[in-house]
Amino acid sequence: MKRAQGTAKPLDTVAIVGTGLIGGAIGMAIRQRQLARRVIAVDRDPGAARRAVERGAADVSGQMRAVADAELVFVAVPLDPLESVCRSVAANLSRGAILTDTGSVKVPVVTALERSTPNFVGGHPMAGTEKQGIDYADPSFLTGRPYLLTATGFTNKDAVQRMAEIVQALEMTPIVLQPEVHDRLVALVSHLPYVVASAVLLTASDERESLELGGPTFREMARVAANPAAMWDQITRANRHEVLRALEAFRRNLDRVEAAVRAGELRDILTAVERDARDVRGRSESRS
């Protein structure tokens, strides 16, 4: 895993395929920072593409064949159709154009495209909200966040470097890593927290009066668990192996915590956790 560096040169045309929360935010950020002369919105729902134009995420809307005019294409669709949409885009790409995606799981899509499309660079902006759709897109939630880029031995290194430059121009932090490493680490810091938050809500719901009493911590867990179920069903299926491995590690640590509570000896664990938590918060604050 390494941080990439570079300076972005302006693009002529960028296409955003899938104009929801993330695709919309990326389009807005590109236009606000004048990183492309023109941004084209493409969506299976023409109304969503037109709404992206209205919200400032694109200059024009178009159909799939419009990606042939783009130097760079972002595919920002749900995981279930991601591979097929990327293949359709790849079939229409102009020579030398870069294709990237924004999916939360990388191994399946990278494996599907790495040999046939060397200019495909798997991508994953570690940003967003529990909301969905173009009406909630906001480029500000991208600023300062990590943007994970995946590369293999088949990936065009120039395409990776170009993507890193564009990510930096979006005021995000590009980090390049292998797809397998991405899926393992993201399972720990993104997928596991969602599953755990869901389990906490399930547990509290056994005594429903408790739901009215929760303070800020519980409300934050409820916010995480409130993410769209359909989206997280796709993520946990696509990254099942790593999510299960993360849950096994979590269960071992939960057993450690339970044993310490029973023995009245939790302080040492909490002290170590507090130290790591402060480090995480410090990193987050330094990005903002």
Foldseek 3Di string as FASTA:
>chain_A
DFWADDAADAFAEEEEEDQKQVLLLLLQLCVVLVRYNFYEYEYPPVVQRVVSCVVRSGVYYDYLLVQQVGLEYEYEDFPVCVQVSQVSNQVNHHPNRAYEYAYQAFPVNCVSPLQPPQSYKYKHQPWDFLDMTNVNHHNVRRALTEMEIEDDPSHDVVSVNNVSNVSVSSNYIYDYDHRVVSLLVCLQVPLLLLVVLLVVVVVCVVVVVVVVVDDPVNVVSVRSPSRDPVRSVSVCVSSVVSNVVNVVVVVVVVVVCVVCVVVVNNVVVVVVVVVVVVVVVVSVVVSD
